[in-house]
Amino acid sequence: MITMGRASNIQMWQYLTAILLIFFLGFHLAERIPQITGMSYHESLNAENVYHNYTSYGWVLWFLAAIALFHGLNGLRGIFLEWRQGRAYTLTVNALFWLTYLVLLGVATWTVIGLPKLG
């Protein structure tokens, strides 16, 4: 009889962020669907429309960046932790994961908040 083990903490975060990515990426991509936006795909890519979406739904882009960064970096973290074992190694990988995540999230936050005004 084959029994299924419990998912590790890293796997559970991967599953959760994958589900969240589906919703946030779906919302982001839905901004290009003509039946939803009322404009053609090419019109939706017009600079003024992109700017309007960015200023109106910037929080969605921030969450999308935060979740995608966590998902990708957590996947790398899992690979590195499977590659080698040891207390010092694990602490180093975890510290580098959080440091990298926070720095890149800071860049994403600065990008979303620091959008210059048009005109």
Protein backbone atom coordinates (compact mmCIF):
# COMPACT_ATOMS: atom_id res chain seq x y z
CA MET A 1 0.00 0.00 0.00
CA ILE A 2 1.35 3.41 -0.97
CA THR A 3 0.73 6.19 1.50
CA MET A 4 1.05 9.86 0.78
CA GLY A 5 3.20 11.90 3.12
CA ARG A 6 2.37 15.36 4.29
CA ALA A 7 3.62 18.23 2.20
CA SER A 8 6.55 20.10 3.66
CA ASN A 9 6.29 23.69 4.78
CA ILE A 10 8.08 24.81 1.60
CA GLN A 11 5.65 22.82 -0.57
CA MET A 12 2.62 24.26 1.22
CA TRP A 13 3.87 27.81 0.54
CA GLN A 14 4.45 26.84 -3.10
CA TYR A 15 0.89 25.55 -3.41
CA LEU A 16 -0.60 28.63 -1.74
CA THR A 17 1.40 31.10 -3.83
CA ALA A 18 0.62 29.16 -7.02
CA ILE A 19 -3.11 29.48 -6.31
CA LEU A 20 -2.74 33.19 -5.52
CA LEU A 21 -0.72 33.70 -8.70
CA ILE A 22 -3.55 32.21 -10.75
CA PHE A 23 -5.98 34.82 -9.41
CA PHE A 24 -3.70 37.87 -9.48
CA LEU A 25 -2.19 37.02 -12.87
CA GLY A 26 -5.66 36.29 -14.19
CA PHE A 27 -6.85 39.73 -13.07
CA HIS A 28 -3.76 41.33 -14.59
CA LEU A 29 -4.22 39.56 -17.94
CA ALA A 30 -7.99 40.17 -17.97
CA GLU A 31 -7.21 43.86 -18.47
CA ARG A 32 -6.38 42.95 -22.08
CA ILE A 33 -9.59 41.05 -22.93
CA PRO A 34 -11.75 43.19 -25.26
CA GLN A 35 -15.06 41.78 -23.93
CA ILE A 36 -14.12 42.92 -20.41
CA THR A 37 -12.42 46.25 -21.10
CA GLY A 38 -14.54 47.39 -24.03
CA MET A 39 -11.45 48.19 -26.09
CA SER A 40 -9.29 46.20 -28.49
CA TYR A 41 -6.15 44.45 -27.32
CA HIS A 42 -3.96 47.06 -29.02
CA GLU A 43 -5.95 49.93 -27.50
CA SER A 44 -5.50 48.37 -24.05
CA LEU A 45 -1.73 48.66 -24.57
CA ASN A 46 -1.94 52.39 -25.32
CA ALA A 47 0.31 54.32 -22.91
CA GLU A 48 -2.59 56.26 -21.39
CA ASN A 49 -4.61 53.10 -20.74
CA VAL A 50 -1.62 51.28 -19.26
CA TYR A 51 -0.90 54.30 -17.05
CA HIS A 52 -4.54 54.45 -15.93
CA ASN A 53 -4.55 50.73 -15.08
CA TYR A 54 -1.23 51.09 -13.29
CA THR A 55 -2.45 53.98 -11.14
CA SER A 56 -5.88 52.40 -10.55
CA TYR A 57 -4.73 48.82 -9.89
CA GLY A 58 -1.16 49.34 -8.72
CA TRP A 59 -1.93 47.31 -5.61
CA VAL A 60 -2.66 44.29 -7.84
CA LEU A 61 0.72 44.66 -9.54
CA TRP A 62 2.40 44.94 -6.14
CA PHE A 63 0.70 41.77 -4.87
CA LEU A 64 1.52 40.02 -8.13
CA ALA A 65 5.19 40.96 -7.75
CA ALA A 66 5.25 40.01 -4.06
CA ILE A 67 3.64 36.63 -4.66
CA ALA A 68 5.68 35.83 -7.78
CA LEU A 69 8.92 36.77 -6.02
CA PHE A 70 8.06 34.63 -3.02
CA HIS A 71 6.99 31.71 -5.20
CA GLY A 72 10.15 31.77 -7.33
CA LEU A 73 12.61 32.39 -4.50
CA ASN A 74 10.91 29.82 -2.27
CA GLY A 75 11.26 27.27 -5.08
CA LEU A 76 14.99 28.02 -5.30
CA ARG A 77 15.21 27.80 -1.53
CA GLY A 78 13.65 24.34 -1.65
CA ILE A 79 16.12 23.22 -4.32
CA PHE A 80 19.09 24.48 -2.29
CA LEU A 81 17.80 22.86 0.91
CA GLU A 82 17.34 19.52 -0.88
CA TRP A 83 20.79 19.80 -2.39
CA ARG A 84 22.63 19.93 0.90
CA GLN A 85 21.89 19.49 4.62
CA GLY A 86 23.28 21.08 7.75
CA ARG A 87 22.24 23.62 10.34
CA ALA A 88 24.60 26.41 9.24
CA TYR A 89 23.80 25.79 5.57
CA THR A 90 20.03 25.87 6.23
CA LEU A 91 20.31 29.08 8.24
CA THR A 92 22.41 30.68 5.49
CA VAL A 93 19.98 29.66 2.73
CA ASN A 94 16.99 30.91 4.74
CA ALA A 95 18.71 34.21 5.57
CA LEU A 96 19.68 34.75 1.91
CA PHE A 97 16.13 33.89 0.85
CA TRP A 98 14.61 36.54 3.14
CA LEU A 99 17.28 39.12 2.36
CA THR A 100 16.83 38.69 -1.40
CA TYR A 101 13.04 38.68 -1.08
CA LEU A 102 12.93 41.86 0.98
CA VAL A 103 15.38 43.72 -1.29
CA LEU A 104 13.46 42.77 -4.46
CA LEU A 105 10.13 43.52 -2.78
CA GLY A 106 11.53 46.92 -1.86
CA VAL A 107 12.38 47.53 -5.51
CA ALA A 108 8.85 46.45 -6.53
CA THR A 109 7.31 48.72 -3.89
CA TRP A 110 9.45 51.66 -4.98
CA THR A 111 8.44 51.03 -8.60
CA VAL A 112 4.71 50.94 -7.84
CA ILE A 113 4.76 53.91 -5.48
CA GLY A 114 7.27 56.02 -7.43
CA LEU A 115 5.40 56.14 -10.74
CA PRO A 116 5.80 59.66 -12.14
CA LYS A 117 2.73 61.66 -13.16
CA LEU A 118 2.00 61.99 -16.87
CA GLY A 119 2.29 65.37 -18.47
